[in-house]
Amino acid sequence: MSAVRRSAGLLLFRVVTGEDGRPDAEVLIGHMGGPFWARREAAAWSIPKGEYVPPEEPAAAARREFEEELGLPLPDGAWVSLGETRQSGGKTVTVWAVEAGLDPAAAVPGTFAMEWPRGSGVLREFPEMDRFAWCAPDDALGRLVAGQRVFVERLRAYVREGRAPSQA
C-alpha cells in the first residue's frame, strides 16, 4: 500500500478594496511550467507548493518550496493557516497565507528536467512555474487548478469577515 502523498505551500496575499467597497485579498499565484501547461490558462496555475515526506514538517516544506519555485526568500509576515484539503488524485495539500508584497517580475523560478519531446531521449530543463501574477480572487479561482481553489475561498472569508478561515 502506498503512502499518502503530501504537499505544502504558501499563498501570498495583499489586502485591497473590493468592487463592493469591502476588504478583499489579491493573491500571488504561478503558472505551471513545462510543455503540458504551455498553452493553457484556465486551471493551469498553482499556489507555490511542493511535496514533502515526514519527518520534514509541512511548514518547513512550504517555505522551502516557495523559495525554490520563486527563487526569492519568503517575505516576512504572520502565517495564517488555511488548513488542508485532499485533492482528487489523493494528495493532501496544506497551505498557509502570508500578507506581504512581492514583485512577480523579480522571480527566478527553479527548474526541472524531463524528456521532451516524449520518447526523443533528449532531456530539457523547464521552469517549475514560468510566470507569476497578482490576481483578484475571482480571477484566481478561474486560473487555479480545481483542488486549490478552496484556499482562496478560505482566505477571502478571513480577509472579508475578519474570522479564522473555515477548514471544513
Protein backbone atom coordinates (compact mmCIF):
# COMPACT_ATOMS: atom_id res chain seq x y z
CA MET A 1 0.00 0.00 0.00
CA SER A 2 1.45 3.39 -0.96
CA ALA A 3 1.94 6.24 1.49
CA VAL A 4 -0.24 9.32 1.33
CA ARG A 5 1.36 11.98 -0.84
CA ARG A 6 1.61 15.34 0.92
CA SER A 7 2.26 18.82 -0.33
CA ALA A 8 2.58 22.18 1.43
CA GLY A 9 2.55 25.75 0.17
CA LEU A 10 2.34 29.44 0.87
CA LEU A 11 -0.18 31.82 -0.65
CA LEU A 12 0.98 35.44 -0.53
CA PHE A 13 -1.81 37.99 -0.34
CA ARG A 14 -2.32 41.70 -0.08
CA VAL A 15 -5.47 43.36 1.20
CA VAL A 16 -7.27 45.58 -1.33
CA THR A 17 -10.67 47.21 -1.52
CA GLY A 18 -13.09 45.02 -3.46
CA GLU A 19 -15.60 46.24 -6.03
CA ASP A 20 -18.24 46.27 -3.30
CA GLY A 21 -16.10 48.52 -1.08
CA ARG A 22 -15.29 45.71 1.35
CA PRO A 23 -11.79 44.43 2.08
CA ASP A 24 -10.67 41.66 -0.24
CA ALA A 25 -7.43 39.84 -0.98
CA GLU A 26 -5.33 39.70 -4.11
CA VAL A 27 -3.24 36.53 -4.23
CA LEU A 28 0.08 35.68 -5.86
CA ILE A 29 -0.12 32.51 -7.96
CA GLY A 30 2.14 30.93 -10.55
CA HIS A 31 1.55 29.39 -13.97
CA MET A 32 2.85 25.83 -14.07
CA GLY A 33 5.87 25.41 -16.31
CA GLY A 34 6.70 22.81 -18.90
CA PRO A 35 5.18 21.75 -22.19
CA PHE A 36 1.96 20.28 -20.77
CA TRP A 37 0.84 23.68 -19.46
CA ALA A 38 2.33 25.99 -22.10
CA ARG A 39 -0.89 26.80 -23.95
CA ARG A 40 -3.28 26.61 -21.03
CA GLU A 41 -4.54 29.38 -18.77
CA ALA A 42 -7.68 28.06 -17.09
CA ALA A 43 -6.86 25.58 -14.32
CA ALA A 44 -3.13 25.82 -15.18
CA TRP A 45 -1.99 27.98 -12.24
CA SER A 46 -0.96 26.92 -8.76
CA ILE A 47 -0.16 28.13 -5.30
CA PRO A 48 3.63 27.84 -4.84
CA LYS A 49 3.85 24.46 -3.14
CA GLY A 50 5.52 21.10 -3.32
CA GLU A 51 5.72 17.61 -1.95
CA TYR A 52 7.38 16.63 1.28
CA VAL A 53 7.95 13.44 3.20
CA PRO A 54 7.84 13.26 7.00
CA PRO A 55 9.78 13.82 9.17
CA GLU A 56 10.00 17.13 7.27
CA GLU A 57 7.37 19.42 8.73
CA PRO A 58 4.76 20.88 6.37
CA ALA A 59 5.65 24.49 7.31
CA ALA A 60 9.33 23.87 6.53
CA ALA A 61 8.35 22.29 3.19
CA ALA A 62 6.08 25.24 2.37
CA ARG A 63 8.92 27.72 2.97
CA ARG A 64 11.42 25.58 1.01
CA GLU A 65 9.07 25.17 -1.94
CA PHE A 66 8.18 28.87 -2.02
CA GLU A 67 11.85 29.80 -2.18
CA GLU A 68 12.63 27.11 -4.78
CA GLU A 69 9.72 27.96 -7.06
CA LEU A 70 10.15 31.73 -6.97
CA GLY A 71 13.89 31.90 -6.40
CA LEU A 72 13.24 34.55 -3.75
CA PRO A 73 13.16 34.49 0.04
CA LEU A 74 9.76 34.40 1.66
CA PRO A 75 8.80 37.94 2.73
CA ASP A 76 8.27 38.49 6.44
CA GLY A 77 4.72 38.22 7.72
CA ALA A 78 2.45 36.28 10.02
CA TRP A 79 1.34 32.88 8.74
CA VAL A 80 -2.42 32.28 8.60
CA SER A 81 -3.38 28.62 8.42
CA LEU A 82 -5.75 27.87 5.56
CA GLY A 83 -5.86 24.22 6.59
CA GLU A 84 -5.63 21.29 4.28
CA THR A 85 -7.64 19.58 1.61
CA ARG A 86 -7.45 16.28 -0.19
CA GLN A 87 -7.20 16.67 -3.95
CA SER A 88 -8.98 14.38 -6.41
CA GLY A 89 -5.73 12.47 -7.06
CA GLY A 90 -5.47 11.67 -3.35
CA LYS A 91 -2.71 14.13 -2.41
CA THR A 92 -3.22 16.04 0.85
CA VAL A 93 -2.31 19.72 0.47
CA THR A 94 -1.66 22.09 3.41
CA VAL A 95 -1.48 25.84 2.80
CA TRP A 96 -0.74 28.98 4.79
CA ALA A 97 -1.34 32.56 3.72
CA VAL A 98 1.15 35.36 4.35
CA GLU A 99 0.25 39.03 3.91
CA ALA A 100 3.22 40.51 2.06
CA GLY A 101 4.22 42.28 -1.10
CA LEU A 102 6.46 40.82 -3.77
CA ASP A 103 7.32 41.88 -7.32
CA PRO A 104 6.50 38.90 -9.58
CA ALA A 105 8.99 40.19 -12.17
CA ALA A 106 11.81 39.58 -9.66
CA ALA A 107 11.12 35.83 -9.51
CA VAL A 108 13.79 33.45 -10.80
CA PRO A 109 11.94 30.14 -10.89
CA GLY A 110 13.54 26.82 -10.12
CA THR A 111 13.69 24.26 -12.92
CA PHE A 112 13.09 20.59 -13.52
CA ALA A 113 14.35 18.24 -16.23
CA MET A 114 12.21 15.98 -18.36
CA GLU A 115 12.47 14.13 -21.62
CA TRP A 116 10.96 16.30 -24.33
CA PRO A 117 9.61 15.56 -26.80
CA ARG A 118 8.49 12.36 -25.17
CA GLY A 119 10.42 9.37 -26.49
CA SER A 120 13.18 11.55 -28.01
CA GLY A 121 15.83 10.73 -25.42
CA VAL A 122 16.51 14.47 -25.06
CA LEU A 123 16.40 15.91 -21.54
CA ARG A 124 15.30 19.54 -21.38
CA GLU A 125 15.06 21.99 -18.49
CA PHE A 126 11.77 23.77 -17.80
CA PRO A 127 10.83 26.27 -15.10
CA GLU A 128 8.67 24.81 -12.33
CA MET A 129 6.50 27.91 -12.74
CA ASP A 130 7.02 30.09 -15.79
CA ARG A 131 5.30 33.27 -14.60
CA PHE A 132 3.63 34.74 -11.55
CA ALA A 133 0.80 37.23 -11.15
CA TRP A 134 -1.23 39.01 -8.51
CA CYS A 135 -4.88 38.12 -9.07
CA ALA A 136 -8.19 39.19 -7.65
CA PRO A 137 -9.94 36.22 -6.01
CA ASP A 138 -12.46 35.66 -8.80
CA ASP A 139 -9.68 35.69 -11.40
CA ALA A 140 -7.56 33.34 -9.28
CA LEU A 141 -10.47 30.91 -8.92
CA GLY A 142 -10.65 30.57 -12.72
CA ARG A 143 -6.90 30.17 -13.14
CA LEU A 144 -6.09 27.77 -10.29
CA VAL A 145 -6.30 24.01 -10.55
CA ALA A 146 -9.60 22.93 -9.04
CA GLY A 147 -8.19 21.32 -5.89
CA GLN A 148 -6.55 24.57 -4.74
CA ARG A 149 -9.49 26.95 -5.14
CA VAL A 150 -10.73 26.22 -1.63
CA PHE A 151 -7.68 28.01 -0.20
CA VAL A 152 -8.58 31.27 -1.98
CA GLU A 153 -12.15 30.96 -0.70
CA ARG A 154 -10.91 30.41 2.87
CA LEU A 155 -8.52 33.35 2.62
CA ARG A 156 -11.21 35.60 1.21
CA ALA A 157 -13.52 34.78 4.11
CA TYR A 158 -10.69 35.52 6.53
CA VAL A 159 -9.96 38.93 4.98
CA ARG A 160 -13.56 39.98 4.33
CA GLU A 161 -15.08 38.75 7.55
CA GLY A 162 -12.10 39.01 9.90
CA ARG A 163 -12.54 35.46 11.08
CA ALA A 164 -10.40 32.37 11.13
CA PRO A 165 -10.66 30.51 7.84
CA SER A 166 -13.10 27.62 7.79
CA GLN A 167 -11.23 24.40 7.21
CA ALA A 168 -14.21 22.11 6.77
